[in-house]
Amino acid sequence: VQATERLAALAPRVVAGGKLDILAIGSSSTEGVGASTRDRSYPARLQNLLATAWPRVQVNIANAGIGGEIAPQTLARLKQALSERRYDLVIWQVGTNDAVNGGDLAAFKAMVADGIAMVRQAGPSLALLDPQFFPGIREPARYRTYVDAIGEVAKGQSVPVFTRYDTMREWHEADAQAFTAALAADSFHMSDAGYDCLARDMAAGLLSLTAAGRPVMAQSK
């Protein structure tokens, strides 16, 4: 998804150095279900990659992932987290379990919009991470409507999205056998390799999003 707004507030922080506190919130993809250890989750890998890319910055990523959550549950925790501590950036992974379970799409879109408004009112910068692709999606067309809904709301609110679904789907279509390495044994959650690939693409996206004067495309595998 083309980001219509850079994470401009973070750029001077990266240049000046100091602490950068990031909240990674969502469901199992954030928690790291499918990884061999918690250190192999995407937030842990992303923290290490950003620390290398920004040597003057002390990057701390709080992993607030809880497997199985749907958007309303995460939204309630997000509100609580923002009331307890100040963050510079929130990465909200949203929609996978909502897309799997189905439900009222209009209500889901409204919840995403409410979450965006909540984060903006609290002050941090915000980026969204959309659902993963996996070959066993039962109703691909319906699942895709949730992915598209996230993109539509984010575009309307000028919020960057790491477009995990499209990139993983394209990878699967190009080489289904190689793609299996990205998923854990349950063929749903991501593996160590999948989380590492995701973290690397998110790091590249964040480097672009915080760089002044360049076009931005935040993508993930």
Protein backbone atom coordinates (compact mmCIF):
# COMPACT_ATOMS: atom_id res chain seq x y z
CA VAL A 1 0.00 0.00 0.00
CA GLN A 2 1.38 3.39 -0.94
CA ALA A 3 1.81 5.46 2.20
CA THR A 4 0.28 8.90 1.77
CA GLU A 5 1.99 10.18 4.86
CA ARG A 6 5.53 9.58 6.05
CA LEU A 7 6.19 8.93 9.70
CA ALA A 8 7.51 12.48 9.78
CA ALA A 9 7.54 12.84 13.55
CA LEU A 10 10.06 10.00 13.86
CA ALA A 11 12.59 11.38 11.38
CA PRO A 12 14.17 13.97 13.70
CA ARG A 13 14.25 11.43 16.52
CA VAL A 14 16.24 9.05 14.34
CA VAL A 15 18.67 11.82 13.35
CA ALA A 16 19.12 13.12 16.89
CA GLY A 17 19.46 9.73 18.55
CA GLY A 18 18.13 8.81 21.97
CA LYS A 19 15.32 6.42 22.87
CA LEU A 20 12.61 5.24 20.51
CA ASP A 21 9.80 3.31 22.16
CA ILE A 22 7.61 1.19 19.87
CA LEU A 23 4.46 -0.74 20.77
CA ALA A 24 3.83 -3.81 18.61
CA ILE A 25 0.27 -4.93 19.31
CA GLY A 26 -1.91 -7.57 17.70
CA SER A 27 -2.60 -11.29 17.79
CA SER A 28 -0.49 -14.40 17.19
CA SER A 29 1.66 -12.88 14.44
CA THR A 30 2.85 -10.27 16.92
CA GLU A 31 3.14 -12.65 19.87
CA GLY A 32 5.28 -14.92 17.70
CA VAL A 33 3.20 -18.11 17.64
CA GLY A 34 5.01 -20.55 15.35
CA ALA A 35 8.47 -19.18 16.16
CA SER A 36 10.91 -21.47 17.94
CA THR A 37 11.60 -18.85 20.63
CA ARG A 38 10.25 -15.40 21.52
CA ASP A 39 13.50 -13.89 20.21
CA ARG A 40 12.48 -15.10 16.75
CA SER A 41 9.19 -13.15 16.75
CA TYR A 42 8.93 -10.25 14.33
CA PRO A 43 9.07 -7.55 17.08
CA ALA A 44 12.31 -8.98 18.50
CA ARG A 45 13.88 -9.32 15.07
CA LEU A 46 12.71 -5.85 14.06
CA GLN A 47 14.20 -4.34 17.20
CA ASN A 48 17.59 -5.85 16.37
CA LEU A 49 17.45 -4.74 12.75
CA LEU A 50 16.48 -1.17 13.62
CA ALA A 51 19.19 -0.99 16.29
CA THR A 52 21.72 -1.90 13.61
CA ALA A 53 20.29 0.53 11.07
CA TRP A 54 20.03 3.37 13.60
CA PRO A 55 23.15 3.00 15.80
CA ARG A 56 22.51 6.30 17.58
CA VAL A 57 19.01 5.25 18.59
CA GLN A 58 18.09 3.03 21.54
CA VAL A 59 15.18 1.09 20.03
CA ASN A 60 12.81 -0.70 22.37
CA ILE A 61 9.88 -2.67 20.98
CA ALA A 62 7.27 -3.86 23.48
CA ASN A 63 5.62 -7.06 22.26
CA ALA A 64 1.92 -6.85 23.17
CA GLY A 65 0.73 -9.71 20.98
CA ILE A 66 -1.91 -12.16 22.24
CA GLY A 67 -2.79 -15.08 19.99
CA GLY A 68 -6.40 -15.53 18.93
CA GLU A 69 -7.56 -11.98 19.50
CA ILE A 70 -9.99 -10.20 17.19
CA ALA A 71 -9.97 -6.45 16.59
CA PRO A 72 -12.31 -5.39 19.45
CA GLN A 73 -10.16 -7.20 22.02
CA THR A 74 -6.92 -5.71 20.72
CA LEU A 75 -8.53 -2.28 20.52
CA ALA A 76 -9.40 -2.41 24.23
CA ARG A 77 -5.82 -3.39 25.11
CA LEU A 78 -4.46 -0.67 22.84
CA LYS A 79 -6.50 1.94 24.68
CA GLN A 80 -5.18 0.67 28.01
CA ALA A 81 -1.57 0.57 26.78
CA LEU A 82 -1.72 4.14 25.51
CA SER A 83 -3.07 5.33 28.85
CA GLU A 84 -0.24 3.69 30.78
CA ARG A 85 2.82 4.70 28.81
CA ARG A 86 3.99 7.01 26.07
CA TYR A 87 5.17 5.44 22.80
CA ASP A 88 6.78 7.02 19.76
CA LEU A 89 5.31 4.51 17.31
CA VAL A 90 2.51 1.95 17.37
CA ILE A 91 2.54 -0.98 14.93
CA TRP A 92 -0.97 -2.44 14.97
CA GLN A 93 -1.26 -5.90 13.42
CA VAL A 94 -4.94 -6.29 12.74
CA GLY A 95 -7.53 -8.36 10.91
CA THR A 96 -6.27 -11.93 10.59
CA ASN A 97 -8.65 -13.57 13.06
CA ASP A 98 -11.47 -11.24 12.03
CA ALA A 99 -10.96 -12.34 8.43
CA VAL A 100 -10.82 -16.03 9.43
CA ASN A 101 -13.96 -15.81 11.57
CA GLY A 102 -15.99 -13.41 9.43
CA GLY A 103 -18.60 -11.04 10.81
CA ASP A 104 -19.84 -7.52 10.20
CA LEU A 105 -17.35 -5.92 7.81
CA ALA A 106 -18.71 -2.41 8.38
CA ALA A 107 -18.23 -2.82 12.13
CA PHE A 108 -14.68 -4.07 11.54
CA LYS A 109 -13.85 -1.03 9.40
CA ALA A 110 -15.30 1.26 12.06
CA MET A 111 -13.10 -0.39 14.69
CA VAL A 112 -9.98 0.12 12.59
CA ALA A 113 -10.93 3.78 12.14
CA ASP A 114 -11.56 4.10 15.88
CA GLY A 115 -8.14 2.64 16.63
CA ILE A 116 -6.44 5.05 14.25
CA ALA A 117 -8.21 8.00 15.87
CA MET A 118 -7.29 6.73 19.35
CA VAL A 119 -3.58 6.46 18.54
CA ARG A 120 -3.52 9.86 16.88
CA GLN A 121 -5.21 11.48 19.85
CA ALA A 122 -2.65 9.87 22.16
CA GLY A 123 0.23 11.19 20.06
CA PRO A 124 2.34 8.30 18.69
CA SER A 125 2.99 7.70 15.03
CA LEU A 126 1.13 4.70 13.61
CA ALA A 127 1.60 1.97 11.01
CA LEU A 128 -0.67 -1.01 10.36
CA LEU A 129 0.29 -4.61 9.54
CA ASP A 130 -2.38 -6.43 7.54
CA PRO A 131 -3.24 -10.18 7.68
CA GLN A 132 -0.94 -12.92 6.48
CA PHE A 133 -1.67 -15.03 3.43
CA PHE A 134 -1.75 -18.79 3.87
CA PRO A 135 -2.76 -21.46 1.33
CA GLY A 136 -5.54 -22.93 3.50
CA ILE A 137 -7.79 -19.86 3.56
CA ARG A 138 -11.31 -21.34 3.53
CA GLU A 139 -13.10 -18.43 1.87
CA PRO A 140 -10.43 -16.48 -0.03
CA ALA A 141 -12.81 -13.86 -1.43
CA ARG A 142 -14.26 -13.02 1.98
CA TYR A 143 -10.82 -13.07 3.62
CA ARG A 144 -9.60 -10.64 0.97
CA THR A 145 -12.42 -8.20 1.77
CA TYR A 146 -10.93 -7.73 5.23
CA VAL A 147 -7.49 -7.10 3.78
CA ASP A 148 -8.97 -4.56 1.37
CA ALA A 149 -10.99 -2.94 4.17
CA ILE A 150 -7.83 -2.28 6.17
CA GLY A 151 -6.20 -0.73 3.11
CA GLU A 152 -9.21 1.45 2.39
CA VAL A 153 -9.51 2.81 5.92
CA ALA A 154 -5.76 3.37 6.18
CA LYS A 155 -5.62 5.17 2.85
CA GLY A 156 -8.49 7.42 3.85
CA GLN A 157 -6.68 8.27 7.08
CA SER A 158 -3.19 8.56 5.50
CA VAL A 159 -1.79 5.70 7.58
CA PRO A 160 0.99 3.51 6.15
CA VAL A 161 0.32 -0.23 5.89
CA PHE A 162 2.82 -3.07 5.72
CA THR A 163 1.07 -5.12 3.04
CA ARG A 164 1.93 -8.62 4.19
CA TYR A 165 -1.00 -10.36 2.49
CA ASP A 166 -0.23 -9.35 -1.09
CA THR A 167 3.49 -9.97 -0.82
CA MET A 168 3.05 -13.42 0.74
CA ARG A 169 0.38 -14.34 -1.82
CA GLU A 170 2.62 -13.29 -4.70
CA TRP A 171 5.49 -15.30 -3.22
CA HIS A 172 3.23 -18.38 -2.95
CA GLU A 173 2.07 -17.97 -6.55
CA ALA A 174 5.65 -17.64 -7.78
CA ASP A 175 7.08 -20.61 -5.84
CA ALA A 176 4.66 -22.54 -3.64
CA GLN A 177 7.30 -25.04 -2.54
CA ALA A 178 9.73 -22.38 -1.34
CA PHE A 179 6.89 -20.51 0.34
CA THR A 180 6.24 -23.39 2.74
CA ALA A 181 9.41 -22.39 4.62
CA ALA A 182 7.67 -19.17 5.69
CA LEU A 183 4.98 -21.06 7.63
CA ALA A 184 5.09 -23.15 10.78
CA ALA A 185 4.02 -26.80 10.89
CA ASP A 186 0.34 -25.82 11.18
CA SER A 187 0.56 -24.12 7.73
CA PHE A 188 -1.05 -21.02 9.23
CA HIS A 189 1.26 -19.28 11.66
CA MET A 190 4.61 -17.99 10.45
CA SER A 191 7.90 -19.79 11.04
CA ASP A 192 11.25 -18.40 12.16
CA ALA A 193 12.09 -17.80 8.50
CA GLY A 194 8.74 -16.13 7.87
CA TYR A 195 9.08 -13.79 10.84
CA ASP A 196 12.63 -12.95 9.85
CA CYS A 197 11.54 -12.08 6.32
CA LEU A 198 8.67 -10.00 7.67
CA ALA A 199 10.94 -8.12 10.08
CA ARG A 200 13.48 -7.37 7.35
CA ASP A 201 10.84 -5.94 5.04
CA MET A 202 9.28 -3.95 7.88
CA ALA A 203 12.69 -2.54 8.80
CA ALA A 204 13.27 -1.50 5.20
CA GLY A 205 9.83 0.08 5.13
CA LEU A 206 10.42 2.01 8.36
CA LEU A 207 13.76 3.27 7.08
CA SER A 208 11.97 4.65 4.03
CA LEU A 209 9.02 6.00 6.01
CA THR A 210 11.29 8.01 8.29
CA ALA A 211 13.53 9.32 5.49
CA ALA A 212 12.62 12.79 4.22
CA GLY A 213 11.86 13.56 0.60
CA ARG A 214 11.57 10.08 -0.88
CA PRO A 215 8.61 8.08 -2.18
CA VAL A 216 7.46 5.44 0.27
CA MET A 217 6.28 1.88 -0.15
CA ALA A 218 6.03 -0.24 2.98
CA GLN A 219 5.77 -3.91 2.15
CA SER A 220 6.37 -7.19 3.90
CA LYS A 221 6.81 -10.83 3.04
